Amino acid sequence: MTGPHGPLARIVERVAPPAVSVDGRGDWGEAEKALGIQLPEDFKLLVVTYGRGDFWGALRLCTPFGDDNPRPLTADSADAADS
């Protein structure tokens, strides 16, 4: 996902990331422990880069961080994504 021609670079070319990624940083080890799963590295990079929010209403990016997160990533939402 990284590198000048990786998927994240292509996304950043098309959609500029915010100056500050809201709820995009935290302790991934603790988050994964609480969720009971190991999150993919490309998901983590996307969250660190963009934080929570959505892309044109088509894709909602939830994070496991932030006290005021209106829709935090939880074990239930992680299970739903696997279905």
PDB file of N, CA and C in Angstrom:
ATOM      1  N   MET A   1       0.828  -1.190   0.000  1.00  0.00           N
ATOM      2  CA  MET A   1       0.000   0.000   0.000  1.00  0.00           C
ATOM      3  C   MET A   1       0.868   1.249   0.000  1.00  0.00           C
ATOM      4  N   THR A   2       2.104   1.092   0.377  1.00  0.00           N
ATOM      5  CA  THR A   2       2.982   2.254   0.407  1.00  0.00           C
ATOM      6  C   THR A   2       3.794   2.336  -0.867  1.00  0.00           C
ATOM      7  N   GLY A   3       4.568   3.372  -0.971  1.00  0.00           N
ATOM      8  CA  GLY A   3       5.399   3.578  -2.147  1.00  0.00           C
ATOM      9  C   GLY A   3       4.743   4.560  -3.099  1.00  0.00           C
ATOM     10  N   PRO A   4       5.533   5.080  -4.018  1.00  0.00           N
ATOM     11  CA  PRO A   4       5.027   6.126  -4.905  1.00  0.00           C
ATOM     12  C   PRO A   4       3.950   5.665  -5.873  1.00  0.00           C
ATOM     13  N   HIS A   5       3.824   4.364  -6.083  1.00  0.00           N
ATOM     14  CA  HIS A   5       2.823   3.854  -7.026  1.00  0.00           C
ATOM     15  C   HIS A   5       1.820   2.915  -6.356  1.00  0.00           C
ATOM     16  N   GLY A   6       1.870   2.854  -5.031  1.00  0.00           N
ATOM     17  CA  GLY A   6       0.963   1.975  -4.300  1.00  0.00           C
ATOM     18  C   GLY A   6      -0.446   2.542  -4.250  1.00  0.00           C
ATOM     19  N   PRO A   7      -1.395   1.726  -3.814  1.00  0.00           N
ATOM     20  CA  PRO A   7      -2.790   2.158  -3.746  1.00  0.00           C
ATOM     21  C   PRO A   7      -3.008   3.420  -2.916  1.00  0.00           C
ATOM     22  N   LEU A   8      -2.329   3.551  -1.773  1.00  0.00           N
ATOM     23  CA  LEU A   8      -2.527   4.739  -0.949  1.00  0.00           C
ATOM     24  C   LEU A   8      -2.051   5.988  -1.692  1.00  0.00           C
ATOM     25  N   ALA A   9      -0.924   5.892  -2.382  1.00  0.00           N
ATOM     26  CA  ALA A   9      -0.421   7.036  -3.151  1.00  0.00           C
ATOM     27  C   ALA A   9      -1.426   7.440  -4.228  1.00  0.00           C
ATOM     28  N   ARG A  10      -2.061   6.467  -4.863  1.00  0.00           N
ATOM     29  CA  ARG A  10      -3.048   6.771  -5.897  1.00  0.00           C
ATOM     30  C   ARG A  10      -4.296   7.425  -5.291  1.00  0.00           C
ATOM     31  N   ILE A  11      -4.689   6.991  -4.104  1.00  0.00           N
ATOM     32  CA  ILE A  11      -5.839   7.603  -3.434  1.00  0.00           C
ATOM     33  C   ILE A  11      -5.500   9.044  -3.065  1.00  0.00           C
ATOM     34  N   VAL A  12      -4.311   9.268  -2.505  1.00  0.00           N
ATOM     35  CA  VAL A  12      -3.888  10.602  -2.089  1.00  0.00           C
ATOM     36  C   VAL A  12      -3.813  11.548  -3.292  1.00  0.00           C
ATOM     37  N   GLU A  13      -3.421  11.029  -4.460  1.00  0.00           N
ATOM     38  CA  GLU A  13      -3.398  11.856  -5.682  1.00  0.00           C
ATOM     39  C   GLU A  13      -4.786  12.389  -6.015  1.00  0.00           C
ATOM     40  N   ARG A  14      -5.800  11.580  -5.759  1.00  0.00           N
ATOM     41  CA  ARG A  14      -7.166  11.939  -6.141  1.00  0.00           C
ATOM     42  C   ARG A  14      -7.940  12.665  -5.039  1.00  0.00           C
ATOM     43  N   VAL A  15      -7.637  12.323  -3.780  1.00  0.00           N
ATOM     44  CA  VAL A  15      -8.340  12.917  -2.640  1.00  0.00           C
ATOM     45  C   VAL A  15      -7.296  13.371  -1.620  1.00  0.00           C
ATOM     46  N   ALA A  16      -7.089  14.651  -1.555  1.00  0.00           N
ATOM     47  CA  ALA A  16      -6.092  15.178  -0.617  1.00  0.00           C
ATOM     48  C   ALA A  16      -6.498  14.858   0.817  1.00  0.00           C
ATOM     49  N   PRO A  17      -5.566  14.324   1.601  1.00  0.00           N
ATOM     50  CA  PRO A  17      -5.893  14.040   3.003  1.00  0.00           C
ATOM     51  C   PRO A  17      -6.051  15.343   3.792  1.00  0.00           C
ATOM     52  N   PRO A  18      -6.781  15.274   4.891  1.00  0.00           N
ATOM     53  CA  PRO A  18      -6.927  16.467   5.728  1.00  0.00           C
ATOM     54  C   PRO A  18      -5.599  16.821   6.395  1.00  0.00           C
ATOM     55  N   ALA A  19      -5.479  18.056   6.842  1.00  0.00           N
ATOM     56  CA  ALA A  19      -4.267  18.490   7.543  1.00  0.00           C
ATOM     57  C   ALA A  19      -4.073  17.670   8.826  1.00  0.00           C
ATOM     58  N   VAL A  20      -5.171  17.339   9.467  1.00  0.00           N
ATOM     59  CA  VAL A  20      -5.144  16.523  10.690  1.00  0.00           C
ATOM     60  C   VAL A  20      -6.145  15.391  10.508  1.00  0.00           C
ATOM     61  N   SER A  21      -5.682  14.167  10.705  1.00  0.00           N
ATOM     62  CA  SER A  21      -6.595  13.027  10.580  1.00  0.00           C
ATOM     63  C   SER A  21      -7.359  12.846  11.890  1.00  0.00           C
ATOM     64  N   VAL A  22      -8.633  13.164  11.878  1.00  0.00           N
ATOM     65  CA  VAL A  22      -9.475  13.094  13.076  1.00  0.00           C
ATOM     66  C   VAL A  22      -9.602  11.638  13.525  1.00  0.00           C
ATOM     67  N   ASP A  23      -9.243  11.389  14.764  1.00  0.00           N
ATOM     68  CA  ASP A  23      -9.285  10.035  15.355  1.00  0.00           C
ATOM     69  C   ASP A  23      -8.475   9.042  14.530  1.00  0.00           C
ATOM     70  N   GLY A  24      -7.397   9.514  13.917  1.00  0.00           N
ATOM     71  CA  GLY A  24      -6.580   8.654  13.078  1.00  0.00           C
ATOM     72  C   GLY A  24      -5.364   8.055  13.760  1.00  0.00           C
ATOM     73  N   ARG A  25      -5.134   8.433  14.994  1.00  0.00           N
ATOM     74  CA  ARG A  25      -3.945   7.932  15.691  1.00  0.00           C
ATOM     75  C   ARG A  25      -4.307   7.428  17.079  1.00  0.00           C
ATOM     76  N   GLY A  26      -3.599   6.401  17.472  1.00  0.00           N
ATOM     77  CA  GLY A  26      -3.805   5.818  18.785  1.00  0.00           C
ATOM     78  C   GLY A  26      -2.945   4.578  18.915  1.00  0.00           C
ATOM     79  N   ASP A  27      -3.194   3.803  19.911  1.00  0.00           N
ATOM     80  CA  ASP A  27      -2.433   2.585  20.172  1.00  0.00           C
ATOM     81  C   ASP A  27      -3.081   1.423  19.421  1.00  0.00           C
ATOM     82  N   TRP A  28      -2.491   1.055  18.296  1.00  0.00           N
ATOM     83  CA  TRP A  28      -3.063  -0.015  17.474  1.00  0.00           C
ATOM     84  C   TRP A  28      -3.064  -1.354  18.211  1.00  0.00           C
ATOM     85  N   GLY A  29      -2.034  -1.599  19.013  1.00  0.00           N
ATOM     86  CA  GLY A  29      -1.986  -2.845  19.783  1.00  0.00           C
ATOM     87  C   GLY A  29      -3.168  -2.964  20.727  1.00  0.00           C
ATOM     88  N   GLU A  30      -3.465  -1.891  21.440  1.00  0.00           N
ATOM     89  CA  GLU A  30      -4.620  -1.880  22.345  1.00  0.00           C
ATOM     90  C   GLU A  30      -5.929  -2.005  21.578  1.00  0.00           C
ATOM     91  N   ALA A  31      -6.011  -1.318  20.444  1.00  0.00           N
ATOM     92  CA  ALA A  31      -7.231  -1.389  19.632  1.00  0.00           C
ATOM     93  C   ALA A  31      -7.473  -2.808  19.140  1.00  0.00           C
ATOM     94  N   GLU A  32      -6.429  -3.450  18.648  1.00  0.00           N
ATOM     95  CA  GLU A  32      -6.568  -4.817  18.154  1.00  0.00           C
ATOM     96  C   GLU A  32      -6.908  -5.788  19.277  1.00  0.00           C
ATOM     97  N   LYS A  33      -6.340  -5.556  20.434  1.00  0.00           N
ATOM     98  CA  LYS A  33      -6.659  -6.399  21.600  1.00  0.00           C
ATOM     99  C   LYS A  33      -8.136  -6.257  21.958  1.00  0.00           C
ATOM    100  N   ALA A  34      -8.632  -5.014  21.978  1.00  0.00           N
ATOM    101  CA  ALA A  34     -10.038  -4.767  22.310  1.00  0.00           C
ATOM    102  C   ALA A  34     -10.976  -5.356  21.256  1.00  0.00           C
ATOM    103  N   LEU A  35     -10.568  -5.295  19.984  1.00  0.00           N
ATOM    104  CA  LEU A  35     -11.397  -5.825  18.898  1.00  0.00           C
ATOM    105  C   LEU A  35     -11.301  -7.345  18.785  1.00  0.00           C
ATOM    106  N   GLY A  36     -10.197  -7.895  19.269  1.00  0.00           N
ATOM    107  CA  GLY A  36      -9.997  -9.337  19.171  1.00  0.00           C
ATOM    108  C   GLY A  36      -9.530  -9.791  17.796  1.00  0.00           C
ATOM    109  N   ILE A  37      -9.014  -8.860  17.003  1.00  0.00           N
ATOM    110  CA  ILE A  37      -8.503  -9.194  15.671  1.00  0.00           C
ATOM    111  C   ILE A  37      -7.274  -8.340  15.373  1.00  0.00           C
ATOM    112  N   GLN A  38      -6.476  -8.802  14.420  1.00  0.00           N
ATOM    113  CA  GLN A  38      -5.368  -7.992  13.927  1.00  0.00           C
ATOM    114  C   GLN A  38      -5.852  -7.273  12.672  1.00  0.00           C
ATOM    115  N   LEU A  39      -5.746  -5.957  12.690  1.00  0.00           N
ATOM    116  CA  LEU A  39      -6.210  -5.160  11.556  1.00  0.00           C
ATOM    117  C   LEU A  39      -5.149  -5.126  10.460  1.00  0.00           C
ATOM    118  N   PRO A  40      -5.571  -5.089   9.205  1.00  0.00           N
ATOM    119  CA  PRO A  40      -4.615  -5.049   8.097  1.00  0.00           C
ATOM    120  C   PRO A  40      -3.791  -3.757   8.095  1.00  0.00           C
ATOM    121  N   GLU A  41      -2.541  -3.867   7.716  1.00  0.00           N
ATOM    122  CA  GLU A  41      -1.653  -2.711   7.686  1.00  0.00           C
ATOM    123  C   GLU A  41      -2.156  -1.629   6.738  1.00  0.00           C
ATOM    124  N   ASP A  42      -2.753  -2.018   5.602  1.00  0.00           N
ATOM    125  CA  ASP A  42      -3.240  -1.003   4.667  1.00  0.00           C
ATOM    126  C   ASP A  42      -4.408  -0.218   5.269  1.00  0.00           C
ATOM    127  N   PHE A  43      -5.231  -0.864   6.077  1.00  0.00           N
ATOM    128  CA  PHE A  43      -6.311  -0.162   6.776  1.00  0.00           C
ATOM    129  C   PHE A  43      -5.720   0.848   7.754  1.00  0.00           C
ATOM    130  N   LYS A  44      -4.705   0.437   8.498  1.00  0.00           N
ATOM    131  CA  LYS A  44      -4.071   1.330   9.471  1.00  0.00           C
ATOM    132  C   LYS A  44      -3.485   2.560   8.775  1.00  0.00           C
ATOM    133  N   LEU A  45      -2.816   2.354   7.635  1.00  0.00           N
ATOM    134  CA  LEU A  45      -2.250   3.479   6.886  1.00  0.00           C
ATOM    135  C   LEU A  45      -3.336   4.425   6.396  1.00  0.00           C
ATOM    136  N   LEU A  46      -4.447   3.870   5.947  1.00  0.00           N
ATOM    137  CA  LEU A  46      -5.567   4.687   5.485  1.00  0.00           C
ATOM    138  C   LEU A  46      -6.132   5.522   6.630  1.00  0.00           C
ATOM    139  N   VAL A  47      -6.285   4.911   7.802  1.00  0.00           N
ATOM    140  CA  VAL A  47      -6.803   5.613   8.978  1.00  0.00           C
ATOM    141  C   VAL A  47      -5.835   6.703   9.429  1.00  0.00           C
ATOM    142  N   VAL A  48      -4.543   6.399   9.475  1.00  0.00           N
ATOM    143  CA  VAL A  48      -3.550   7.398   9.887  1.00  0.00           C
ATOM    144  C   VAL A  48      -3.550   8.569   8.907  1.00  0.00           C
ATOM    145  N   THR A  49      -3.719   8.277   7.621  1.00  0.00           N
ATOM    146  CA  THR A  49      -3.680   9.313   6.587  1.00  0.00           C
ATOM    147  C   THR A  49      -4.939  10.171   6.572  1.00  0.00           C
ATOM    148  N   TYR A  50      -6.107   9.545   6.664  1.00  0.00           N
ATOM    149  CA  TYR A  50      -7.370  10.269   6.513  1.00  0.00           C
ATOM    150  C   TYR A  50      -8.181  10.434   7.793  1.00  0.00           C
ATOM    151  N   GLY A  51      -7.990   9.567   8.773  1.00  0.00           N
ATOM    152  CA  GLY A  51      -8.817   9.627   9.972  1.00  0.00           C
ATOM    153  C   GLY A  51     -10.235   9.188   9.653  1.00  0.00           C
ATOM    154  N   ARG A  52     -11.146   9.481  10.572  1.00  0.00           N
ATOM    155  CA  ARG A  52     -12.522   9.056  10.342  1.00  0.00           C
ATOM    156  C   ARG A  52     -13.231   9.997   9.385  1.00  0.00           C
ATOM    157  N   GLY A  53     -14.232   9.469   8.729  1.00  0.00           N
ATOM    158  CA  GLY A  53     -15.004  10.267   7.789  1.00  0.00           C
ATOM    159  C   GLY A  53     -15.519   9.390   6.670  1.00  0.00           C
ATOM    160  N   ASP A  54     -15.961  10.032   5.598  1.00  0.00           N
ATOM    161  CA  ASP A  54     -16.433   9.226   4.481  1.00  0.00           C
ATOM    162  C   ASP A  54     -15.981   9.829   3.154  1.00  0.00           C
ATOM    163  N   PHE A  55     -15.986   8.993   2.156  1.00  0.00           N
ATOM    164  CA  PHE A  55     -15.624   9.377   0.798  1.00  0.00           C
ATOM    165  C   PHE A  55     -16.913   9.463  -0.003  1.00  0.00           C
ATOM    166  N   TRP A  56     -17.413  10.671  -0.199  1.00  0.00           N
ATOM    167  CA  TRP A  56     -18.597  10.945  -1.012  1.00  0.00           C
ATOM    168  C   TRP A  56     -19.817  10.132  -0.592  1.00  0.00           C
ATOM    169  N   GLY A  57     -19.893   9.739   0.654  1.00  0.00           N
ATOM    170  CA  GLY A  57     -21.025   8.948   1.123  1.00  0.00           C
ATOM    171  C   GLY A  57     -20.981   7.504   0.659  1.00  0.00           C
ATOM    172  N   ALA A  58     -19.936   7.129  -0.081  1.00  0.00           N
ATOM    173  CA  ALA A  58     -19.840   5.777  -0.625  1.00  0.00           C
ATOM    174  C   ALA A  58     -19.032   4.840   0.270  1.00  0.00           C
ATOM    175  N   LEU A  59     -18.127   5.402   1.052  1.00  0.00           N
ATOM    176  CA  LEU A  59     -17.268   4.602   1.917  1.00  0.00           C
ATOM    177  C   LEU A  59     -17.090   5.347   3.226  1.00  0.00           C
ATOM    178  N   ARG A  60     -17.494   4.734   4.316  1.00  0.00           N
ATOM    179  CA  ARG A  60     -17.319   5.339   5.639  1.00  0.00           C
ATOM    180  C   ARG A  60     -16.100   4.693   6.290  1.00  0.00           C
ATOM    181  N   LEU A  61     -15.169   5.526   6.700  1.00  0.00           N
ATOM    182  CA  LEU A  61     -13.957   5.060   7.351  1.00  0.00           C
ATOM    183  C   LEU A  61     -14.118   5.269   8.851  1.00  0.00           C
ATOM    184  N   CYS A  62     -14.254   4.171   9.579  1.00  0.00           N
ATOM    185  CA  CYS A  62     -14.379   4.205  11.037  1.00  0.00           C
ATOM    186  C   CYS A  62     -13.018   3.900  11.647  1.00  0.00           C
ATOM    187  N   THR A  63     -12.775   4.441  12.824  1.00  0.00           N
ATOM    188  CA  THR A  63     -11.520   4.173  13.517  1.00  0.00           C
ATOM    189  C   THR A  63     -11.820   3.690  14.937  1.00  0.00           C
ATOM    190  N   PRO A  64     -10.860   3.006  15.548  1.00  0.00           N
ATOM    191  CA  PRO A  64     -11.066   2.571  16.924  1.00  0.00           C
ATOM    192  C   PRO A  64     -10.674   3.641  17.939  1.00  0.00           C
ATOM    193  N   PHE A  65     -10.353   4.845  17.481  1.00  0.00           N
ATOM    194  CA  PHE A  65      -9.841   5.892  18.360  1.00  0.00           C
ATOM    195  C   PHE A  65     -10.832   7.046  18.502  1.00  0.00           C
ATOM    196  N   GLY A  66     -10.688   7.799  19.590  1.00  0.00           N
ATOM    197  CA  GLY A  66     -11.453   9.025  19.783  1.00  0.00           C
ATOM    198  C   GLY A  66     -12.665   8.847  20.669  1.00  0.00           C
ATOM    199  N   ASP A  67     -12.794   9.746  21.627  1.00  0.00           N
ATOM    200  CA  ASP A  67     -13.929   9.703  22.547  1.00  0.00           C
ATOM    201  C   ASP A  67     -15.204  10.259  21.928  1.00  0.00           C
ATOM    202  N   ASP A  68     -15.073  11.155  20.947  1.00  0.00           N
ATOM    203  CA  ASP A  68     -16.259  11.763  20.345  1.00  0.00           C
ATOM    204  C   ASP A  68     -16.566  11.176  18.970  1.00  0.00           C
ATOM    205  N   ASN A  69     -16.001  10.023  18.686  1.00  0.00           N
ATOM    206  CA  ASN A  69     -16.197   9.367  17.400  1.00  0.00           C
ATOM    207  C   ASN A  69     -17.661   8.934  17.286  1.00  0.00           C
ATOM    208  N   PRO A  70     -18.437   9.495  16.352  1.00  0.00           N
ATOM    209  CA  PRO A  70     -19.863   9.163  16.272  1.00  0.00           C
ATOM    210  C   PRO A  70     -20.118   7.699  15.904  1.00  0.00           C
ATOM    211  N   ARG A  71     -19.187   7.076  15.238  1.00  0.00           N
ATOM    212  CA  ARG A  71     -19.337   5.673  14.874  1.00  0.00           C
ATOM    213  C   ARG A  71     -17.980   4.987  14.930  1.00  0.00           C
ATOM    214  N   PRO A  72     -17.533   4.623  16.133  1.00  0.00           N
ATOM    215  CA  PRO A  72     -16.206   4.021  16.268  1.00  0.00           C
ATOM    216  C   PRO A  72     -16.175   2.599  15.724  1.00  0.00           C
ATOM    217  N   LEU A  73     -15.000   2.193  15.327  1.00  0.00           N
ATOM    218  CA  LEU A  73     -14.791   0.812  14.902  1.00  0.00           C
ATOM    219  C   LEU A  73     -14.879  -0.063  16.151  1.00  0.00           C
ATOM    220  N   THR A  74     -15.748  -1.057  16.113  1.00  0.00           N
ATOM    221  CA  THR A  74     -15.926  -1.949  17.252  1.00  0.00           C
ATOM    222  C   THR A  74     -15.808  -3.394  16.766  1.00  0.00           C
ATOM    223  N   ALA A  75     -15.781  -4.328  17.691  1.00  0.00           N
ATOM    224  CA  ALA A  75     -15.711  -5.738  17.331  1.00  0.00           C
ATOM    225  C   ALA A  75     -16.914  -6.112  16.462  1.00  0.00           C
ATOM    226  N   ASP A  76     -18.097  -5.554  16.757  1.00  0.00           N
ATOM    227  CA  ASP A  76     -19.286  -5.838  15.962  1.00  0.00           C
ATOM    228  C   ASP A  76     -19.142  -5.351  14.527  1.00  0.00           C
ATOM    229  N   SER A  77     -18.591  -4.150  14.345  1.00  0.00           N
ATOM    230  CA  SER A  77     -18.438  -3.641  12.975  1.00  0.00           C
ATOM    231  C   SER A  77     -17.343  -4.388  12.248  1.00  0.00           C
ATOM    232  N   ALA A  78     -16.306  -4.835  12.960  1.00  0.00           N
ATOM    233  CA  ALA A  78     -15.247  -5.631  12.331  1.00  0.00           C
ATOM    234  C   ALA A  78     -15.810  -6.978  11.879  1.00  0.00           C
ATOM    235  N   ASP A  79     -16.685  -7.585  12.694  1.00  0.00           N
ATOM    236  CA  ASP A  79     -17.326  -8.844  12.315  1.00  0.00           C
ATOM    237  C   ASP A  79     -18.193  -8.652  11.074  1.00  0.00           C
ATOM    238  N   ALA A  80     -18.943  -7.547  11.023  1.00  0.00           N
ATOM    239  CA  ALA A  80     -19.817  -7.278   9.882  1.00  0.00           C
ATOM    240  C   ALA A  80     -19.022  -7.104   8.602  1.00  0.00           C
ATOM    241  N   ALA A  81     -17.823  -6.538   8.694  1.00  0.00           N
ATOM    242  CA  ALA A  81     -16.997  -6.332   7.508  1.00  0.00           C
ATOM    243  C   ALA A  81     -16.497  -7.652   6.936  1.00  0.00           C
ATOM    244  N   ASP A  82     -16.358  -8.674   7.785  1.00  0.00           N
ATOM    245  CA  ASP A  82     -15.915  -9.986   7.319  1.00  0.00           C
ATOM    246  C   ASP A  82     -17.007 -10.749   6.591  1.00  0.00           C
ATOM    247  N   SER A  83     -18.275 -10.387   6.796  1.00  0.00           N
ATOM    248  CA  SER A  83     -19.396 -11.122   6.214  1.00  0.00           C
ATOM    249  C   SER A  83     -19.569 -10.800   4.759  1.00  0.00           C
TER     250      SER A  83
END
